[in-house]
Amino acid sequence: MTLDQPGELDQVFEEGDLKFVIAQDLLEEVGAIKVDFVDAGYRSGFAITSEKPVPGAGGGCSSCGGSCGM
């Protein structure tokens, strides 16, 4: 997960004051994406899951250095 500006081939989703940007080809490959914040003490951070498995992806992203295949 990173800060980015929408490009020509991106899909933009808005939730309240937040905008989520994802490349259209990635969205087609992984399906629906869910972004959650997990409050687990020193292991707190964002968890990103997708409808379909992402080939070659590691575990979920988190503030403590998880691997992110997206």
PDB file of N, CA and C in Angstrom:
ATOM      1  N   MET A   1       0.857  -1.154   0.000  1.00  0.00           N
ATOM      2  CA  MET A   1       0.000   0.000   0.000  1.00  0.00           C
ATOM      3  C   MET A   1       0.907   1.221   0.000  1.00  0.00           C
ATOM      4  N   THR A   2       0.551   2.211  -0.839  1.00  0.00           N
ATOM      5  CA  THR A   2       1.356   3.419  -0.962  1.00  0.00           C
ATOM      6  C   THR A   2       0.470   4.591  -1.358  1.00  0.00           C
ATOM      7  N   LEU A   3       0.976   5.776  -1.213  1.00  0.00           N
ATOM      8  CA  LEU A   3       0.268   6.963  -1.691  1.00  0.00           C
ATOM      9  C   LEU A   3       0.515   7.083  -3.180  1.00  0.00           C
ATOM     10  N   ASP A   4      -0.528   7.396  -3.932  1.00  0.00           N
ATOM     11  CA  ASP A   4      -0.400   7.460  -5.388  1.00  0.00           C
ATOM     12  C   ASP A   4      -1.491   8.353  -5.955  1.00  0.00           C
ATOM     13  N   GLN A   5      -1.261   8.835  -7.139  1.00  0.00           N
ATOM     14  CA  GLN A   5      -2.268   9.588  -7.890  1.00  0.00           C
ATOM     15  C   GLN A   5      -2.876   8.651  -8.927  1.00  0.00           C
ATOM     16  N   PRO A   6      -4.175   8.771  -9.211  1.00  0.00           N
ATOM     17  CA  PRO A   6      -4.797   7.909 -10.220  1.00  0.00           C
ATOM     18  C   PRO A   6      -4.207   8.150 -11.602  1.00  0.00           C
ATOM     19  N   GLY A   7      -4.003   7.055 -12.322  1.00  0.00           N
ATOM     20  CA  GLY A   7      -3.547   7.113 -13.705  1.00  0.00           C
ATOM     21  C   GLY A   7      -4.683   6.760 -14.639  1.00  0.00           C
ATOM     22  N   GLU A   8      -4.407   6.795 -15.929  1.00  0.00           N
ATOM     23  CA  GLU A   8      -5.435   6.507 -16.944  1.00  0.00           C
ATOM     24  C   GLU A   8      -6.035   5.117 -16.801  1.00  0.00           C
ATOM     25  N   LEU A   9      -5.221   4.146 -16.404  1.00  0.00           N
ATOM     26  CA  LEU A   9      -5.670   2.754 -16.351  1.00  0.00           C
ATOM     27  C   LEU A   9      -6.018   2.294 -14.942  1.00  0.00           C
ATOM     28  N   ASP A  10      -6.294   3.230 -14.040  1.00  0.00           N
ATOM     29  CA  ASP A  10      -6.596   2.907 -12.655  1.00  0.00           C
ATOM     30  C   ASP A  10      -8.092   3.020 -12.369  1.00  0.00           C
ATOM     31  N   GLN A  11      -8.531   2.241 -11.387  1.00  0.00           N
ATOM     32  CA  GLN A  11      -9.876   2.360 -10.845  1.00  0.00           C
ATOM     33  C   GLN A  11      -9.754   3.114  -9.530  1.00  0.00           C
ATOM     34  N   VAL A  12     -10.704   3.989  -9.255  1.00  0.00           N
ATOM     35  CA  VAL A  12     -10.701   4.760  -8.014  1.00  0.00           C
ATOM     36  C   VAL A  12     -11.977   4.443  -7.241  1.00  0.00           C
ATOM     37  N   PHE A  13     -11.810   4.109  -5.962  1.00  0.00           N
ATOM     38  CA  PHE A  13     -12.935   3.833  -5.078  1.00  0.00           C
ATOM     39  C   PHE A  13     -12.857   4.811  -3.924  1.00  0.00           C
ATOM     40  N   GLU A  14     -13.994   5.350  -3.509  1.00  0.00           N
ATOM     41  CA  GLU A  14     -14.018   6.300  -2.398  1.00  0.00           C
ATOM     42  C   GLU A  14     -14.818   5.727  -1.242  1.00  0.00           C
ATOM     43  N   GLU A  15     -14.268   5.901  -0.049  1.00  0.00           N
ATOM     44  CA  GLU A  15     -14.929   5.482   1.184  1.00  0.00           C
ATOM     45  C   GLU A  15     -14.780   6.640   2.153  1.00  0.00           C
ATOM     46  N   GLY A  16     -15.854   7.388   2.344  1.00  0.00           N
ATOM     47  CA  GLY A  16     -15.768   8.594   3.164  1.00  0.00           C
ATOM     48  C   GLY A  16     -14.827   9.596   2.513  1.00  0.00           C
ATOM     49  N   ASP A  17     -13.848  10.066   3.271  1.00  0.00           N
ATOM     50  CA  ASP A  17     -12.873  11.021   2.745  1.00  0.00           C
ATOM     51  C   ASP A  17     -11.659  10.351   2.112  1.00  0.00           C
ATOM     52  N   LEU A  18     -11.635   9.023   2.091  1.00  0.00           N
ATOM     53  CA  LEU A  18     -10.490   8.295   1.545  1.00  0.00           C
ATOM     54  C   LEU A  18     -10.735   7.873   0.106  1.00  0.00           C
ATOM     55  N   LYS A  19      -9.678   7.920  -0.702  1.00  0.00           N
ATOM     56  CA  LYS A  19      -9.725   7.406  -2.070  1.00  0.00           C
ATOM     57  C   LYS A  19      -8.730   6.264  -2.181  1.00  0.00           C
ATOM     58  N   PHE A  20      -9.167   5.174  -2.757  1.00  0.00           N
ATOM     59  CA  PHE A  20      -8.314   4.018  -3.001  1.00  0.00           C
ATOM     60  C   PHE A  20      -8.121   3.892  -4.505  1.00  0.00           C
ATOM     61  N   VAL A  21      -6.872   3.740  -4.914  1.00  0.00           N
ATOM     62  CA  VAL A  21      -6.519   3.653  -6.332  1.00  0.00           C
ATOM     63  C   VAL A  21      -5.900   2.284  -6.582  1.00  0.00           C
ATOM     64  N   ILE A  22      -6.383   1.581  -7.614  1.00  0.00           N
ATOM     65  CA  ILE A  22      -5.818   0.279  -7.971  1.00  0.00           C
ATOM     66  C   ILE A  22      -5.752   0.161  -9.486  1.00  0.00           C
ATOM     67  N   ALA A  23      -4.674  -0.426  -9.966  1.00  0.00           N
ATOM     68  CA  ALA A  23      -4.512  -0.639 -11.405  1.00  0.00           C
ATOM     69  C   ALA A  23      -5.608  -1.584 -11.892  1.00  0.00           C
ATOM     70  N   GLN A  24      -6.235  -1.243 -13.002  1.00  0.00           N
ATOM     71  CA  GLN A  24      -7.349  -2.033 -13.532  1.00  0.00           C
ATOM     72  C   GLN A  24      -6.934  -3.483 -13.790  1.00  0.00           C
ATOM     73  N   ASP A  25      -5.738  -3.707 -14.345  1.00  0.00           N
ATOM     74  CA  ASP A  25      -5.318  -5.083 -14.629  1.00  0.00           C
ATOM     75  C   ASP A  25      -5.118  -5.893 -13.353  1.00  0.00           C
ATOM     76  N   LEU A  26      -4.624  -5.264 -12.284  1.00  0.00           N
ATOM     77  CA  LEU A  26      -4.478  -5.963 -11.006  1.00  0.00           C
ATOM     78  C   LEU A  26      -5.846  -6.280 -10.410  1.00  0.00           C
ATOM     79  N   LEU A  27      -6.767  -5.346 -10.498  1.00  0.00           N
ATOM     80  CA  LEU A  27      -8.121  -5.558  -9.985  1.00  0.00           C
ATOM     81  C   LEU A  27      -8.773  -6.742 -10.686  1.00  0.00           C
ATOM     82  N   GLU A  28      -8.583  -6.850 -12.000  1.00  0.00           N
ATOM     83  CA  GLU A  28      -9.150  -7.973 -12.748  1.00  0.00           C
ATOM     84  C   GLU A  28      -8.516  -9.294 -12.324  1.00  0.00           C
ATOM     85  N   GLU A  29      -7.230  -9.266 -11.968  1.00  0.00           N
ATOM     86  CA  GLU A  29      -6.518 -10.475 -11.568  1.00  0.00           C
ATOM     87  C   GLU A  29      -6.897 -10.948 -10.170  1.00  0.00           C
ATOM     88  N   VAL A  30      -7.066 -10.026  -9.226  1.00  0.00           N
ATOM     89  CA  VAL A  30      -7.282 -10.420  -7.827  1.00  0.00           C
ATOM     90  C   VAL A  30      -8.719 -10.307  -7.355  1.00  0.00           C
ATOM     91  N   GLY A  31      -9.586  -9.644  -8.098  1.00  0.00           N
ATOM     92  CA  GLY A  31     -10.979  -9.489  -7.685  1.00  0.00           C
ATOM     93  C   GLY A  31     -11.121  -8.451  -6.587  1.00  0.00           C
ATOM     94  N   ALA A  32     -12.187  -8.548  -5.837  1.00  0.00           N
ATOM     95  CA  ALA A  32     -12.478  -7.575  -4.781  1.00  0.00           C
ATOM     96  C   ALA A  32     -11.352  -7.554  -3.749  1.00  0.00           C
ATOM     97  N   ILE A  33     -11.025  -6.364  -3.276  1.00  0.00           N
ATOM     98  CA  ILE A  33      -9.963  -6.181  -2.286  1.00  0.00           C
ATOM     99  C   ILE A  33     -10.562  -5.562  -1.027  1.00  0.00           C
ATOM    100  N   LYS A  34     -10.113  -6.052   0.122  1.00  0.00           N
ATOM    101  CA  LYS A  34     -10.581  -5.537   1.402  1.00  0.00           C
ATOM    102  C   LYS A  34      -9.376  -5.010   2.173  1.00  0.00           C
ATOM    103  N   VAL A  35      -9.490  -3.775   2.686  1.00  0.00           N
ATOM    104  CA  VAL A  35      -8.434  -3.162   3.490  1.00  0.00           C
ATOM    105  C   VAL A  35      -8.998  -2.958   4.896  1.00  0.00           C
ATOM    106  N   ASP A  36      -8.340  -3.556   5.885  1.00  0.00           N
ATOM    107  CA  ASP A  36      -8.746  -3.439   7.287  1.00  0.00           C
ATOM    108  C   ASP A  36      -7.571  -2.937   8.111  1.00  0.00           C
ATOM    109  N   PHE A  37      -7.880  -2.339   9.248  1.00  0.00           N
ATOM    110  CA  PHE A  37      -6.838  -2.030  10.220  1.00  0.00           C
ATOM    111  C   PHE A  37      -6.997  -3.011  11.360  1.00  0.00           C
ATOM    112  N   VAL A  38      -5.934  -3.733  11.669  1.00  0.00           N
ATOM    113  CA  VAL A  38      -5.952  -4.720  12.739  1.00  0.00           C
ATOM    114  C   VAL A  38      -5.245  -4.119  13.949  1.00  0.00           C
ATOM    115  N   ASP A  39      -5.963  -4.006  15.058  1.00  0.00           N
ATOM    116  CA  ASP A  39      -5.402  -3.451  16.290  1.00  0.00           C
ATOM    117  C   ASP A  39      -4.917  -4.616  17.149  1.00  0.00           C
ATOM    118  N   ALA A  40      -3.611  -4.861  17.105  1.00  0.00           N
ATOM    119  CA  ALA A  40      -3.030  -5.996  17.822  1.00  0.00           C
ATOM    120  C   ALA A  40      -1.751  -5.583  18.541  1.00  0.00           C
ATOM    121  N   GLY A  41      -1.828  -4.491  19.286  1.00  0.00           N
ATOM    122  CA  GLY A  41      -0.656  -4.036  20.030  1.00  0.00           C
ATOM    123  C   GLY A  41       0.490  -3.664  19.109  1.00  0.00           C
ATOM    124  N   TYR A  42       1.688  -4.173  19.402  1.00  0.00           N
ATOM    125  CA  TYR A  42       2.853  -3.839  18.579  1.00  0.00           C
ATOM    126  C   TYR A  42       2.777  -4.438  17.178  1.00  0.00           C
ATOM    127  N   ARG A  43       1.851  -5.343  16.937  1.00  0.00           N
ATOM    128  CA  ARG A  43       1.672  -5.939  15.609  1.00  0.00           C
ATOM    129  C   ARG A  43       0.511  -5.299  14.842  1.00  0.00           C
ATOM    130  N   SER A  44       0.038  -4.152  15.283  1.00  0.00           N
ATOM    131  CA  SER A  44      -1.064  -3.463  14.612  1.00  0.00           C
ATOM    132  C   SER A  44      -0.629  -2.995  13.233  1.00  0.00           C
ATOM    133  N   GLY A  45      -1.581  -2.927  12.331  1.00  0.00           N
ATOM    134  CA  GLY A  45      -1.288  -2.434  10.992  1.00  0.00           C
ATOM    135  C   GLY A  45      -2.429  -2.755  10.044  1.00  0.00           C
ATOM    136  N   PHE A  46      -2.215  -2.460   8.776  1.00  0.00           N
ATOM    137  CA  PHE A  46      -3.220  -2.709   7.763  1.00  0.00           C
ATOM    138  C   PHE A  46      -3.127  -4.143   7.269  1.00  0.00           C
ATOM    139  N   ALA A  47      -4.281  -4.747   7.025  1.00  0.00           N
ATOM    140  CA  ALA A  47      -4.365  -6.079   6.441  1.00  0.00           C
ATOM    141  C   ALA A  47      -5.106  -5.940   5.120  1.00  0.00           C
ATOM    142  N   ILE A  48      -4.507  -6.417   4.058  1.00  0.00           N
ATOM    143  CA  ILE A  48      -5.109  -6.351   2.729  1.00  0.00           C
ATOM    144  C   ILE A  48      -5.364  -7.771   2.259  1.00  0.00           C
ATOM    145  N   THR A  49      -6.617  -8.056   1.937  1.00  0.00           N
ATOM    146  CA  THR A  49      -6.976  -9.379   1.427  1.00  0.00           C
ATOM    147  C   THR A  49      -7.700  -9.209   0.105  1.00  0.00           C
ATOM    148  N   SER A  50      -7.631 -10.247  -0.727  1.00  0.00           N
ATOM    149  CA  SER A  50      -8.309 -10.188  -2.018  1.00  0.00           C
ATOM    150  C   SER A  50      -9.207 -11.404  -2.195  1.00  0.00           C
ATOM    151  N   GLU A  51     -10.137 -11.240  -3.109  1.00  0.00           N
ATOM    152  CA  GLU A  51     -11.116 -12.285  -3.404  1.00  0.00           C
ATOM    153  C   GLU A  51     -10.434 -13.543  -3.951  1.00  0.00           C
ATOM    154  N   LYS A  52      -9.401 -13.354  -4.774  1.00  0.00           N
ATOM    155  CA  LYS A  52      -8.665 -14.460  -5.383  1.00  0.00           C
ATOM    156  C   LYS A  52      -7.224 -14.415  -4.882  1.00  0.00           C
ATOM    157  N   PRO A  53      -6.588 -15.576  -4.710  1.00  0.00           N
ATOM    158  CA  PRO A  53      -5.195 -15.585  -4.281  1.00  0.00           C
ATOM    159  C   PRO A  53      -4.303 -14.851  -5.284  1.00  0.00           C
ATOM    160  N   VAL A  54      -3.302 -14.146  -4.768  1.00  0.00           N
ATOM    161  CA  VAL A  54      -2.352 -13.430  -5.610  1.00  0.00           C
ATOM    162  C   VAL A  54      -1.120 -14.313  -5.769  1.00  0.00           C
ATOM    163  N   PRO A  55      -0.809 -14.742  -7.011  1.00  0.00           N
ATOM    164  CA  PRO A  55       0.356 -15.605  -7.212  1.00  0.00           C
ATOM    165  C   PRO A  55       1.633 -14.932  -6.718  1.00  0.00           C
ATOM    166  N   GLY A  56       2.424 -15.650  -5.897  1.00  0.00           N
ATOM    167  CA  GLY A  56       3.705 -15.142  -5.423  1.00  0.00           C
ATOM    168  C   GLY A  56       3.614 -14.165  -4.268  1.00  0.00           C
ATOM    169  N   ALA A  57       2.408 -13.903  -3.758  1.00  0.00           N
ATOM    170  CA  ALA A  57       2.266 -12.941  -2.660  1.00  0.00           C
ATOM    171  C   ALA A  57       2.586 -13.618  -1.341  1.00  0.00           C
ATOM    172  N   GLY A  58       3.159 -12.837  -0.443  1.00  0.00           N
ATOM    173  CA  GLY A  58       3.443 -13.334   0.902  1.00  0.00           C
ATOM    174  C   GLY A  58       2.237 -13.085   1.776  1.00  0.00           C
ATOM    175  N   GLY A  59       2.485 -12.862   3.074  1.00  0.00           N
ATOM    176  CA  GLY A  59       1.410 -12.588   4.018  1.00  0.00           C
ATOM    177  C   GLY A  59       0.855 -11.197   3.814  1.00  0.00           C
ATOM    178  N   GLY A  60      -0.046 -10.786   4.671  1.00  0.00           N
ATOM    179  CA  GLY A  60      -0.669  -9.476   4.583  1.00  0.00           C
ATOM    180  C   GLY A  60       0.292  -8.350   4.910  1.00  0.00           C
ATOM    181  N   CYS A  61      -0.022  -7.160   4.464  1.00  0.00           N
ATOM    182  CA  CYS A  61       0.802  -5.990   4.757  1.00  0.00           C
ATOM    183  C   CYS A  61       0.541  -5.539   6.185  1.00  0.00           C
ATOM    184  N   SER A  62       1.560  -5.067   6.838  1.00  0.00           N
ATOM    185  CA  SER A  62       1.369  -4.489   8.156  1.00  0.00           C
ATOM    186  C   SER A  62       2.467  -3.503   8.442  1.00  0.00           C
ATOM    187  N   SER A  63       2.255  -2.722   9.460  1.00  0.00           N
ATOM    188  CA  SER A  63       3.244  -1.720   9.805  1.00  0.00           C
ATOM    189  C   SER A  63       4.513  -2.339  10.374  1.00  0.00           C
ATOM    190  N   CYS A  64       4.467  -3.635  10.698  1.00  0.00           N
ATOM    191  CA  CYS A  64       5.655  -4.264  11.275  1.00  0.00           C
ATOM    192  C   CYS A  64       6.448  -5.003  10.216  1.00  0.00           C
ATOM    193  N   GLY A  65       6.252  -4.686   8.929  1.00  0.00           N
ATOM    194  CA  GLY A  65       7.126  -5.210   7.890  1.00  0.00           C
ATOM    195  C   GLY A  65       6.625  -6.446   7.192  1.00  0.00           C
ATOM    196  N   GLY A  66       5.326  -6.636   7.080  1.00  0.00           N
ATOM    197  CA  GLY A  66       4.808  -7.784   6.341  1.00  0.00           C
ATOM    198  C   GLY A  66       5.130  -7.675   4.867  1.00  0.00           C
ATOM    199  N   SER A  67       4.964  -8.740   4.133  1.00  0.00           N
ATOM    200  CA  SER A  67       5.229  -8.757   2.694  1.00  0.00           C
ATOM    201  C   SER A  67       3.932  -8.440   1.969  1.00  0.00           C
ATOM    202  N   CYS A  68       4.013  -7.650   0.932  1.00  0.00           N
ATOM    203  CA  CYS A  68       2.813  -7.260   0.199  1.00  0.00           C
ATOM    204  C   CYS A  68       3.019  -7.520  -1.279  1.00  0.00           C
ATOM    205  N   GLY A  69       2.201  -8.372  -1.865  1.00  0.00           N
ATOM    206  CA  GLY A  69       2.322  -8.701  -3.277  1.00  0.00           C
ATOM    207  C   GLY A  69       1.501  -7.800  -4.162  1.00  0.00           C
ATOM    208  N   MET A  70       0.924  -6.764  -3.620  1.00  0.00           N
ATOM    209  CA  MET A  70       0.094  -5.871  -4.439  1.00  0.00           C
ATOM    210  C   MET A  70       0.785  -4.570  -4.638  1.00  0.00           C
TER     211      MET A  70
END
